[in-house]
Amino acid sequence: AARFRAMSVKAPPASTPPTDRILRAIVAILLSVACFSVLNAISKTLTEHYPVVQVIWARYVFAFVFMMALFLPRSGKALFRWHNVGSQMVRGLLLFFSSYLYFHAIAYLPLATAAAISLTSPLVVTALSARFLGEPVGLARWVAVCIGFAGALIVVRPGHAHFEWHSLLVVGSTLCSAFYQLYSRRYGQTERPDASATMATIVGTVVATPMLPFEWATPAFGWDWVLFVAMGVLAGVGHYFVTIAYSQAPAATIAPFNYGQLIGAAILGYLIFDNIPDFWTWVG
C-alpha cells in the first residue's frame, strides 16, 4: 500500500501530456512545416501561369485522392465517421479561406514576406488558447505574443509609402489559420486524425469546385500536372501531421514551431524566385 501511495504521488497530473507525446507532436508539426514550405513555393510557381482558384482546387482534389489511396484501405468506413460534424465543417472552411487568401497574396508577395506575416498565427493561437481551450498561458508567452505582434507590424509597415495591400490578405489568412489550429486542438482528441484531415479536403473541394468553370486554364506541360499533384500530396500529408500534432500536445506548446516556415520560405524564395528579404523584414 505504501509503495502504491508513493507511485501515486509521483505520477504526473492527468492534464499534463506525457513527454513522449509532446515530442511526437513536435516532430509532427515540423514535418508539416516542411510540407507547407514546399507547397507554398509550388503554389507561387503555378499562380504565375494559372488562376488562383484552379491552383486551390487542385490542392484540395489531389489531396483528397491521395488520402483515399492512403487511408481508405486501412481505415475503411471509419474514415467518414466524425463525432463533431458541424465543428469539422467549420474547421474545413477556415482552412479553405486561409488557403484562398494566402495563395492570392503570394502571387504578388515574396515568400519570406508572406511567411513572416503569416507567422503571427502562433501568437493568435497562444493568446486565445486560454479562453478557447482552457489551457494556461504564462507570463513569458504573453510577453512573446506582444513582441511577436510588434515584429509583424514591422514587416507589414501599414503606414509606409511602399505599403503592399496584398499583405492584408495574409493577415486575413493568418486569422483563419489560427482558428483552424484552435479547432484542431479542441476537437482533435475526440476525432481520428485521418478522418479530420479527410473532412478538411472534402470541404475545400466542395467549396472550390463551383468556382472552377469560371477560371480554368488547361495545363500545357506534363510537368505542370506533376506540380499540381505534388501540391495536393504535400497538403494532405502536411495537414495530417497538423492534426496529429494538435491532438498530442497543448496548442501553445506546438504553435511556435510553425516559425520554421520562415526559414523554409527564405531559402526557397531565394533559390527559386531570387527573392531576398529586405532589412526590415529580417528585423520583424
C-alpha atoms as a PDB file:
ATOM      1  CA  ALA A   1       0.000   0.000   0.000  1.00  0.00           C
ATOM      2  CA  ALA A   2       2.871   2.362   0.874  1.00  0.00           C
ATOM      3  CA  ARG A   3       4.512   1.619  -2.465  1.00  0.00           C
ATOM      4  CA  PHE A   4       1.227   2.338  -4.238  1.00  0.00           C
ATOM      5  CA  ARG A   5       0.850   5.687  -2.431  1.00  0.00           C
ATOM      6  CA  ALA A   6       4.411   6.672  -3.374  1.00  0.00           C
ATOM      7  CA  MET A   7       3.764   5.865  -7.012  1.00  0.00           C
ATOM      8  CA  SER A   8       0.542   7.881  -6.887  1.00  0.00           C
ATOM      9  CA  VAL A   9       2.353  10.943  -5.574  1.00  0.00           C
ATOM     10  CA  LYS A  10       4.989  10.802  -8.300  1.00  0.00           C
ATOM     11  CA  ALA A  11       2.518  10.345 -11.154  1.00  0.00           C
ATOM     12  CA  PRO A  12       2.091  13.437 -13.371  1.00  0.00           C
ATOM     13  CA  PRO A  13      -1.231  15.284 -13.397  1.00  0.00           C
ATOM     14  CA  ALA A  14      -3.801  13.901 -15.819  1.00  0.00           C
ATOM     15  CA  SER A  15      -3.869  17.206 -17.694  1.00  0.00           C
ATOM     16  CA  THR A  16      -0.157  17.116 -18.496  1.00  0.00           C
ATOM     17  CA  PRO A  17       0.663  15.151 -21.668  1.00  0.00           C
ATOM     18  CA  PRO A  18       3.487  12.601 -21.318  1.00  0.00           C
ATOM     19  CA  THR A  19       6.860  13.748 -22.618  1.00  0.00           C
ATOM     20  CA  ASP A  20       6.844  11.195 -25.435  1.00  0.00           C
ATOM     21  CA  ARG A  21       3.520  12.562 -26.719  1.00  0.00           C
ATOM     22  CA  ILE A  22       4.867  16.124 -26.703  1.00  0.00           C
ATOM     23  CA  LEU A  23       7.988  15.046 -28.630  1.00  0.00           C
ATOM     24  CA  ARG A  24       5.798  13.170 -31.099  1.00  0.00           C
ATOM     25  CA  ALA A  25       3.697  16.301 -31.555  1.00  0.00           C
ATOM     26  CA  ILE A  26       6.780  18.466 -32.152  1.00  0.00           C
ATOM     27  CA  VAL A  27       8.110  16.057 -34.783  1.00  0.00           C
ATOM     28  CA  ALA A  28       4.693  16.038 -36.463  1.00  0.00           C
ATOM     29  CA  ILE A  29       4.450  19.833 -36.615  1.00  0.00           C
ATOM     30  CA  LEU A  30       7.995  20.138 -38.003  1.00  0.00           C
ATOM     31  CA  LEU A  31       7.143  17.638 -40.751  1.00  0.00           C
ATOM     32  CA  SER A  32       4.039  19.659 -41.569  1.00  0.00           C
ATOM     33  CA  VAL A  33       6.146  22.847 -41.716  1.00  0.00           C
ATOM     34  CA  ALA A  34       8.458  21.216 -44.261  1.00  0.00           C
ATOM     35  CA  CYS A  35       5.468  20.151 -46.374  1.00  0.00           C
ATOM     36  CA  PHE A  36       3.871  23.611 -46.301  1.00  0.00           C
ATOM     37  CA  SER A  37       7.115  25.392 -47.168  1.00  0.00           C
ATOM     38  CA  VAL A  38       7.457  23.382 -50.367  1.00  0.00           C
ATOM     39  CA  LEU A  39       3.700  23.601 -51.015  1.00  0.00           C
ATOM     40  CA  ASN A  40       3.757  27.410 -50.895  1.00  0.00           C
ATOM     41  CA  ALA A  41       6.729  27.551 -53.275  1.00  0.00           C
ATOM     42  CA  ILE A  42       4.878  25.306 -55.754  1.00  0.00           C
ATOM     43  CA  SER A  43       1.670  27.329 -55.468  1.00  0.00           C
ATOM     44  CA  LYS A  44       3.551  30.581 -56.126  1.00  0.00           C
ATOM     45  CA  THR A  45       5.131  28.979 -59.207  1.00  0.00           C
ATOM     46  CA  LEU A  46       1.758  27.810 -60.520  1.00  0.00           C
ATOM     47  CA  THR A  47      -0.102  31.068 -59.876  1.00  0.00           C
ATOM     48  CA  GLU A  48       2.291  32.780 -62.290  1.00  0.00           C
ATOM     49  CA  HIS A  49       0.615  30.830 -65.127  1.00  0.00           C
ATOM     50  CA  TYR A  50      -2.758  29.612 -63.801  1.00  0.00           C
ATOM     51  CA  PRO A  51      -5.741  31.172 -61.985  1.00  0.00           C
ATOM     52  CA  VAL A  52      -5.509  31.049 -58.207  1.00  0.00           C
ATOM     53  CA  VAL A  53      -8.869  29.251 -57.939  1.00  0.00           C
ATOM     54  CA  GLN A  54      -7.565  26.473 -60.173  1.00  0.00           C
ATOM     55  CA  VAL A  55      -4.458  26.089 -58.031  1.00  0.00           C
ATOM     56  CA  ILE A  56      -6.545  25.923 -54.852  1.00  0.00           C
ATOM     57  CA  TRP A  57      -8.929  23.401 -56.418  1.00  0.00           C
ATOM     58  CA  ALA A  58      -6.038  21.150 -57.452  1.00  0.00           C
ATOM     59  CA  ARG A  59      -4.562  21.442 -53.974  1.00  0.00           C
ATOM     60  CA  TYR A  60      -7.772  20.028 -52.463  1.00  0.00           C
ATOM     61  CA  VAL A  61      -8.752  17.496 -55.106  1.00  0.00           C
ATOM     62  CA  PHE A  62      -5.381  15.794 -55.319  1.00  0.00           C
ATOM     63  CA  ALA A  63      -5.077  15.889 -51.533  1.00  0.00           C
ATOM     64  CA  PHE A  64      -8.421  14.067 -51.314  1.00  0.00           C
ATOM     65  CA  VAL A  65      -7.375  11.460 -53.894  1.00  0.00           C
ATOM     66  CA  PHE A  66      -4.106  10.916 -52.054  1.00  0.00           C
ATOM     67  CA  MET A  67      -5.873  10.485 -48.723  1.00  0.00           C
ATOM     68  CA  MET A  68      -8.326   7.985 -50.186  1.00  0.00           C
ATOM     69  CA  ALA A  69      -5.459   5.916 -51.568  1.00  0.00           C
ATOM     70  CA  LEU A  70      -3.502   6.132 -48.303  1.00  0.00           C
ATOM     71  CA  PHE A  71      -6.167   5.879 -45.591  1.00  0.00           C
ATOM     72  CA  LEU A  72      -9.218   4.112 -47.071  1.00  0.00           C
ATOM     73  CA  PRO A  73      -7.694   0.600 -47.298  1.00  0.00           C
ATOM     74  CA  ARG A  74      -6.638   0.825 -43.649  1.00  0.00           C
ATOM     75  CA  SER A  75      -9.492   2.781 -42.072  1.00  0.00           C
ATOM     76  CA  GLY A  76     -12.486   1.792 -44.175  1.00  0.00           C
ATOM     77  CA  LYS A  77     -15.780   3.436 -43.187  1.00  0.00           C
ATOM     78  CA  ALA A  78     -14.167   4.902 -40.069  1.00  0.00           C
ATOM     79  CA  LEU A  79     -12.576   7.482 -42.373  1.00  0.00           C
ATOM     80  CA  PHE A  80     -16.026   9.064 -42.769  1.00  0.00           C
ATOM     81  CA  ARG A  81     -17.157   8.919 -39.145  1.00  0.00           C
ATOM     82  CA  TRP A  82     -16.954  12.199 -37.214  1.00  0.00           C
ATOM     83  CA  HIS A  83     -18.167  12.969 -33.700  1.00  0.00           C
ATOM     84  CA  ASN A  84     -18.495  16.723 -34.317  1.00  0.00           C
ATOM     85  CA  VAL A  85     -19.565  17.113 -37.947  1.00  0.00           C
ATOM     86  CA  GLY A  86     -20.521  20.786 -37.620  1.00  0.00           C
ATOM     87  CA  SER A  87     -17.226  21.729 -35.995  1.00  0.00           C
ATOM     88  CA  GLN A  88     -15.313  19.701 -38.571  1.00  0.00           C
ATOM     89  CA  MET A  89     -17.062  21.604 -41.371  1.00  0.00           C
ATOM     90  CA  VAL A  90     -16.228  24.945 -39.744  1.00  0.00           C
ATOM     91  CA  ARG A  91     -12.621  23.777 -39.408  1.00  0.00           C
ATOM     92  CA  GLY A  92     -12.579  22.852 -43.114  1.00  0.00           C
ATOM     93  CA  LEU A  93     -13.987  26.244 -44.126  1.00  0.00           C
ATOM     94  CA  LEU A  94     -11.374  28.038 -42.042  1.00  0.00           C
ATOM     95  CA  LEU A  95      -8.641  26.088 -43.793  1.00  0.00           C
ATOM     96  CA  PHE A  96     -10.126  26.804 -47.233  1.00  0.00           C
ATOM     97  CA  PHE A  97     -10.347  30.566 -46.680  1.00  0.00           C
ATOM     98  CA  SER A  98      -6.866  30.583 -45.184  1.00  0.00           C
ATOM     99  CA  SER A  99      -5.523  28.906 -48.348  1.00  0.00           C
ATOM    100  CA  TYR A 100      -7.643  31.088 -50.652  1.00  0.00           C
ATOM    101  CA  LEU A 101      -6.353  34.345 -49.180  1.00  0.00           C
ATOM    102  CA  TYR A 102      -2.761  33.160 -48.847  1.00  0.00           C
ATOM    103  CA  PHE A 103      -2.492  31.842 -52.422  1.00  0.00           C
ATOM    104  CA  HIS A 104      -3.808  35.147 -53.751  1.00  0.00           C
ATOM    105  CA  ALA A 105      -1.271  37.032 -51.648  1.00  0.00           C
ATOM    106  CA  ILE A 106       1.852  35.077 -52.574  1.00  0.00           C
ATOM    107  CA  ALA A 107       1.129  35.632 -56.244  1.00  0.00           C
ATOM    108  CA  TYR A 108       2.305  39.212 -55.543  1.00  0.00           C
ATOM    109  CA  LEU A 109       4.427  38.984 -52.396  1.00  0.00           C
ATOM    110  CA  PRO A 110       7.838  37.364 -51.784  1.00  0.00           C
ATOM    111  CA  LEU A 111       7.527  34.046 -49.950  1.00  0.00           C
ATOM    112  CA  ALA A 112       9.558  35.226 -46.956  1.00  0.00           C
ATOM    113  CA  THR A 113       7.449  38.371 -46.509  1.00  0.00           C
ATOM    114  CA  ALA A 114       4.204  36.413 -46.646  1.00  0.00           C
ATOM    115  CA  ALA A 115       5.609  33.798 -44.275  1.00  0.00           C
ATOM    116  CA  ALA A 116       6.754  36.444 -41.793  1.00  0.00           C
ATOM    117  CA  ILE A 117       3.269  37.962 -41.660  1.00  0.00           C
ATOM    118  CA  SER A 118       1.505  34.597 -41.512  1.00  0.00           C
ATOM    119  CA  LEU A 119       3.633  33.571 -38.561  1.00  0.00           C
ATOM    120  CA  THR A 120       1.595  35.839 -36.333  1.00  0.00           C
ATOM    121  CA  SER A 121      -0.702  32.808 -36.294  1.00  0.00           C
ATOM    122  CA  PRO A 122       1.132  31.182 -33.336  1.00  0.00           C
ATOM    123  CA  LEU A 123       0.704  34.456 -31.463  1.00  0.00           C
ATOM    124  CA  VAL A 124      -3.057  34.402 -32.000  1.00  0.00           C
ATOM    125  CA  VAL A 125      -3.210  30.730 -31.030  1.00  0.00           C
ATOM    126  CA  THR A 126      -1.238  31.399 -27.859  1.00  0.00           C
ATOM    127  CA  ALA A 127      -3.330  34.430 -26.946  1.00  0.00           C
ATOM    128  CA  LEU A 128      -6.651  32.627 -27.446  1.00  0.00           C
ATOM    129  CA  SER A 129      -5.742  29.172 -26.162  1.00  0.00           C
ATOM    130  CA  ALA A 130      -6.541  30.151 -22.561  1.00  0.00           C
ATOM    131  CA  ARG A 131     -10.094  31.283 -23.361  1.00  0.00           C
ATOM    132  CA  PHE A 132     -10.895  28.999 -26.300  1.00  0.00           C
ATOM    133  CA  LEU A 133      -9.241  25.834 -24.983  1.00  0.00           C
ATOM    134  CA  GLY A 134      -8.922  26.448 -21.271  1.00  0.00           C
ATOM    135  CA  GLU A 135      -5.160  25.844 -21.456  1.00  0.00           C
ATOM    136  CA  PRO A 136      -2.882  28.017 -19.258  1.00  0.00           C
ATOM    137  CA  VAL A 137      -0.693  30.668 -20.898  1.00  0.00           C
ATOM    138  CA  GLY A 138       2.090  32.018 -18.680  1.00  0.00           C
ATOM    139  CA  LEU A 139       3.573  35.496 -18.486  1.00  0.00           C
ATOM    140  CA  ALA A 140       6.551  34.572 -20.678  1.00  0.00           C
ATOM    141  CA  ARG A 141       4.239  33.531 -23.516  1.00  0.00           C
ATOM    142  CA  TRP A 142       2.195  36.732 -23.201  1.00  0.00           C
ATOM    143  CA  VAL A 143       5.409  38.759 -23.490  1.00  0.00           C
ATOM    144  CA  ALA A 144       6.333  36.703 -26.551  1.00  0.00           C
ATOM    145  CA  VAL A 145       2.906  37.449 -28.060  1.00  0.00           C
ATOM    146  CA  CYS A 146       3.425  41.201 -27.665  1.00  0.00           C
ATOM    147  CA  ILE A 147       6.946  41.098 -29.101  1.00  0.00           C
ATOM    148  CA  GLY A 148       5.799  38.939 -31.990  1.00  0.00           C
ATOM    149  CA  PHE A 149       2.939  41.311 -32.787  1.00  0.00           C
ATOM    150  CA  ALA A 150       5.403  44.211 -32.855  1.00  0.00           C
ATOM    151  CA  GLY A 151       7.567  42.200 -35.261  1.00  0.00           C
ATOM    152  CA  ALA A 152       4.598  41.614 -37.554  1.00  0.00           C
ATOM    153  CA  LEU A 153       3.869  45.351 -37.647  1.00  0.00           C
ATOM    154  CA  ILE A 154       7.487  45.999 -38.655  1.00  0.00           C
ATOM    155  CA  VAL A 155       7.133  43.549 -41.570  1.00  0.00           C
ATOM    156  CA  VAL A 156       3.743  44.877 -42.744  1.00  0.00           C
ATOM    157  CA  ARG A 157       4.557  48.589 -42.105  1.00  0.00           C
ATOM    158  CA  PRO A 158       0.955  49.748 -42.749  1.00  0.00           C
ATOM    159  CA  GLY A 159       1.862  53.460 -42.824  1.00  0.00           C
ATOM    160  CA  HIS A 160       4.895  53.055 -45.079  1.00  0.00           C
ATOM    161  CA  ALA A 161       4.966  54.703 -48.506  1.00  0.00           C
ATOM    162  CA  HIS A 162       5.582  51.325 -50.148  1.00  0.00           C
ATOM    163  CA  PHE A 163       2.885  49.509 -48.208  1.00  0.00           C
ATOM    164  CA  GLU A 164       1.712  46.455 -50.166  1.00  0.00           C
ATOM    165  CA  TRP A 165      -2.030  45.956 -49.656  1.00  0.00           C
ATOM    166  CA  HIS A 166      -1.760  42.257 -50.552  1.00  0.00           C
ATOM    167  CA  SER A 167      -0.158  41.798 -47.149  1.00  0.00           C
ATOM    168  CA  LEU A 168      -3.635  42.333 -45.680  1.00  0.00           C
ATOM    169  CA  LEU A 169      -4.723  39.142 -47.441  1.00  0.00           C
ATOM    170  CA  VAL A 170      -2.055  37.310 -45.466  1.00  0.00           C
ATOM    171  CA  VAL A 171      -3.369  38.873 -42.259  1.00  0.00           C
ATOM    172  CA  GLY A 172      -6.844  37.533 -43.042  1.00  0.00           C
ATOM    173  CA  SER A 173      -5.368  34.154 -43.929  1.00  0.00           C
ATOM    174  CA  THR A 174      -3.476  34.131 -40.645  1.00  0.00           C
ATOM    175  CA  LEU A 175      -6.601  34.702 -38.571  1.00  0.00           C
ATOM    176  CA  CYS A 176      -8.362  31.832 -40.357  1.00  0.00           C
ATOM    177  CA  SER A 177      -5.323  29.615 -39.846  1.00  0.00           C
ATOM    178  CA  ALA A 178      -5.162  30.428 -36.138  1.00  0.00           C
ATOM    179  CA  PHE A 179      -8.773  29.411 -35.565  1.00  0.00           C
ATOM    180  CA  TYR A 180      -8.209  26.301 -37.706  1.00  0.00           C
ATOM    181  CA  GLN A 181      -5.398  25.303 -35.332  1.00  0.00           C
ATOM    182  CA  LEU A 182      -7.538  26.031 -32.285  1.00  0.00           C
ATOM    183  CA  TYR A 183     -10.338  23.854 -33.654  1.00  0.00           C
ATOM    184  CA  SER A 184      -7.778  21.139 -34.405  1.00  0.00           C
ATOM    185  CA  ARG A 185      -6.703  21.185 -30.763  1.00  0.00           C
ATOM    186  CA  ARG A 186     -10.200  21.477 -29.312  1.00  0.00           C
ATOM    187  CA  TYR A 187     -11.664  18.513 -31.187  1.00  0.00           C
ATOM    188  CA  GLY A 188      -8.515  16.642 -32.175  1.00  0.00           C
ATOM    189  CA  GLN A 189      -8.555  14.360 -29.133  1.00  0.00           C
ATOM    190  CA  THR A 190     -12.047  13.050 -29.938  1.00  0.00           C
ATOM    191  CA  GLU A 191     -11.540  12.516 -33.677  1.00  0.00           C
ATOM    192  CA  ARG A 192      -9.333  10.247 -35.762  1.00  0.00           C
ATOM    193  CA  PRO A 193      -6.516  12.304 -37.377  1.00  0.00           C
ATOM    194  CA  ASP A 194      -7.118  10.708 -40.784  1.00  0.00           C
ATOM    195  CA  ALA A 195     -10.872  11.401 -40.581  1.00  0.00           C
ATOM    196  CA  SER A 196     -10.287  15.047 -39.598  1.00  0.00           C
ATOM    197  CA  ALA A 197      -7.827  15.592 -42.434  1.00  0.00           C
ATOM    198  CA  THR A 198     -10.198  13.941 -44.901  1.00  0.00           C
ATOM    199  CA  MET A 199     -13.104  16.165 -43.875  1.00  0.00           C
ATOM    200  CA  ALA A 200     -10.971  19.278 -44.452  1.00  0.00           C
ATOM    201  CA  THR A 201     -10.178  18.168 -48.016  1.00  0.00           C
ATOM    202  CA  ILE A 202     -13.822  17.326 -48.708  1.00  0.00           C
ATOM    203  CA  VAL A 203     -14.990  20.773 -47.568  1.00  0.00           C
ATOM    204  CA  GLY A 204     -12.310  22.538 -49.617  1.00  0.00           C
ATOM    205  CA  THR A 205     -13.133  20.512 -52.740  1.00  0.00           C
ATOM    206  CA  VAL A 206     -16.866  21.189 -52.432  1.00  0.00           C
ATOM    207  CA  VAL A 207     -16.323  24.954 -51.986  1.00  0.00           C
ATOM    208  CA  ALA A 208     -13.705  25.333 -54.747  1.00  0.00           C
ATOM    209  CA  THR A 209     -15.318  23.214 -57.487  1.00  0.00           C
ATOM    210  CA  PRO A 210     -18.231  25.591 -58.350  1.00  0.00           C
ATOM    211  CA  MET A 211     -15.700  28.377 -58.971  1.00  0.00           C
ATOM    212  CA  LEU A 212     -13.643  26.316 -61.385  1.00  0.00           C
ATOM    213  CA  PRO A 213     -15.663  26.735 -64.646  1.00  0.00           C
ATOM    214  CA  PHE A 214     -15.165  30.498 -64.476  1.00  0.00           C
ATOM    215  CA  GLU A 215     -11.388  30.289 -64.086  1.00  0.00           C
ATOM    216  CA  TRP A 216      -9.666  27.424 -65.856  1.00  0.00           C
ATOM    217  CA  ALA A 217      -6.536  27.177 -67.957  1.00  0.00           C
ATOM    218  CA  THR A 218      -5.643  23.757 -69.336  1.00  0.00           C
ATOM    219  CA  PRO A 219      -2.086  22.828 -68.254  1.00  0.00           C
ATOM    220  CA  ALA A 220       0.167  22.909 -71.304  1.00  0.00           C
ATOM    221  CA  PHE A 221       3.001  20.789 -69.962  1.00  0.00           C
ATOM    222  CA  GLY A 222       3.199  17.453 -68.205  1.00  0.00           C
ATOM    223  CA  TRP A 223       5.487  18.976 -65.586  1.00  0.00           C
ATOM    224  CA  ASP A 224       2.704  21.335 -64.511  1.00  0.00           C
ATOM    225  CA  TRP A 225       0.452  18.348 -63.809  1.00  0.00           C
ATOM    226  CA  VAL A 226       3.229  16.899 -61.665  1.00  0.00           C
ATOM    227  CA  LEU A 227       3.315  20.129 -59.658  1.00  0.00           C
ATOM    228  CA  PHE A 228      -0.476  20.138 -59.253  1.00  0.00           C
ATOM    229  CA  VAL A 229      -0.438  16.561 -57.963  1.00  0.00           C
ATOM    230  CA  ALA A 230       2.586  17.182 -55.719  1.00  0.00           C
ATOM    231  CA  MET A 231       0.828  20.173 -54.185  1.00  0.00           C
ATOM    232  CA  GLY A 232      -2.151  18.004 -53.256  1.00  0.00           C
ATOM    233  CA  VAL A 233       0.050  15.283 -51.766  1.00  0.00           C
ATOM    234  CA  LEU A 234       2.013  17.808 -49.693  1.00  0.00           C
ATOM    235  CA  ALA A 235      -1.211  19.410 -48.475  1.00  0.00           C
ATOM    236  CA  GLY A 236      -2.685  16.063 -47.484  1.00  0.00           C
ATOM    237  CA  VAL A 237       0.434  14.935 -45.630  1.00  0.00           C
ATOM    238  CA  GLY A 238       1.001  18.350 -44.036  1.00  0.00           C
ATOM    239  CA  HIS A 239      -2.492  18.708 -42.593  1.00  0.00           C
ATOM    240  CA  TYR A 240      -2.497  15.093 -41.436  1.00  0.00           C
ATOM    241  CA  PHE A 241       0.593  15.874 -39.350  1.00  0.00           C
ATOM    242  CA  VAL A 242      -1.010  19.102 -38.091  1.00  0.00           C
ATOM    243  CA  THR A 243      -3.988  17.089 -36.857  1.00  0.00           C
ATOM    244  CA  ILE A 244      -1.684  14.624 -35.109  1.00  0.00           C
ATOM    245  CA  ALA A 245       0.373  17.408 -33.500  1.00  0.00           C
ATOM    246  CA  TYR A 246      -2.579  19.278 -32.016  1.00  0.00           C
ATOM    247  CA  SER A 247      -4.162  16.081 -30.738  1.00  0.00           C
ATOM    248  CA  GLN A 248      -0.999  15.192 -28.783  1.00  0.00           C
ATOM    249  CA  ALA A 249       0.070  18.414 -27.041  1.00  0.00           C
ATOM    250  CA  PRO A 250      -1.226  21.860 -25.930  1.00  0.00           C
ATOM    251  CA  ALA A 251      -1.689  24.411 -28.703  1.00  0.00           C
ATOM    252  CA  ALA A 252       0.599  26.979 -27.041  1.00  0.00           C
ATOM    253  CA  THR A 253       3.392  24.371 -26.998  1.00  0.00           C
ATOM    254  CA  ILE A 254       3.021  23.383 -30.651  1.00  0.00           C
ATOM    255  CA  ALA A 255       2.225  26.686 -32.353  1.00  0.00           C
ATOM    256  CA  PRO A 256       5.691  28.341 -32.027  1.00  0.00           C
ATOM    257  CA  PHE A 257       7.287  25.580 -34.104  1.00  0.00           C
ATOM    258  CA  ASN A 258       5.425  26.993 -37.110  1.00  0.00           C
ATOM    259  CA  TYR A 259       8.167  29.635 -37.221  1.00  0.00           C
ATOM    260  CA  GLY A 260      10.249  27.063 -39.077  1.00  0.00           C
ATOM    261  CA  GLN A 261       8.277  28.091 -42.170  1.00  0.00           C
ATOM    262  CA  LEU A 262      10.153  31.402 -42.228  1.00  0.00           C
ATOM    263  CA  ILE A 263      13.436  29.570 -42.743  1.00  0.00           C
ATOM    264  CA  GLY A 264      11.967  27.411 -45.496  1.00  0.00           C
ATOM    265  CA  ALA A 265      10.336  30.415 -47.192  1.00  0.00           C
ATOM    266  CA  ALA A 266      13.564  32.428 -47.146  1.00  0.00           C
ATOM    267  CA  ILE A 267      15.604  29.560 -48.614  1.00  0.00           C
ATOM    268  CA  LEU A 268      13.086  28.554 -51.293  1.00  0.00           C
ATOM    269  CA  GLY A 269      12.289  32.169 -52.149  1.00  0.00           C
ATOM    270  CA  TYR A 270      15.950  32.823 -52.838  1.00  0.00           C
ATOM    271  CA  LEU A 271      16.647  29.568 -54.719  1.00  0.00           C
ATOM    272  CA  ILE A 272      13.527  29.587 -56.906  1.00  0.00           C
ATOM    273  CA  PHE A 273      12.410  33.230 -57.221  1.00  0.00           C
ATOM    274  CA  ASP A 274      15.640  35.105 -56.427  1.00  0.00           C
ATOM    275  CA  ASN A 275      13.838  36.981 -53.633  1.00  0.00           C
ATOM    276  CA  ILE A 276      15.977  38.306 -50.808  1.00  0.00           C
ATOM    277  CA  PRO A 277      14.063  39.640 -47.769  1.00  0.00           C
ATOM    278  CA  ASP A 278      14.803  43.308 -47.096  1.00  0.00           C
ATOM    279  CA  PHE A 279      16.351  44.579 -43.886  1.00  0.00           C
ATOM    280  CA  TRP A 280      13.090  45.396 -42.093  1.00  0.00           C
ATOM    281  CA  THR A 281      11.579  42.012 -42.951  1.00  0.00           C
ATOM    282  CA  TRP A 282      14.514  40.332 -41.189  1.00  0.00           C
ATOM    283  CA  VAL A 283      14.179  42.726 -38.247  1.00  0.00           C
ATOM    284  CA  GLY A 284      10.470  41.977 -37.948  1.00  0.00           C
END
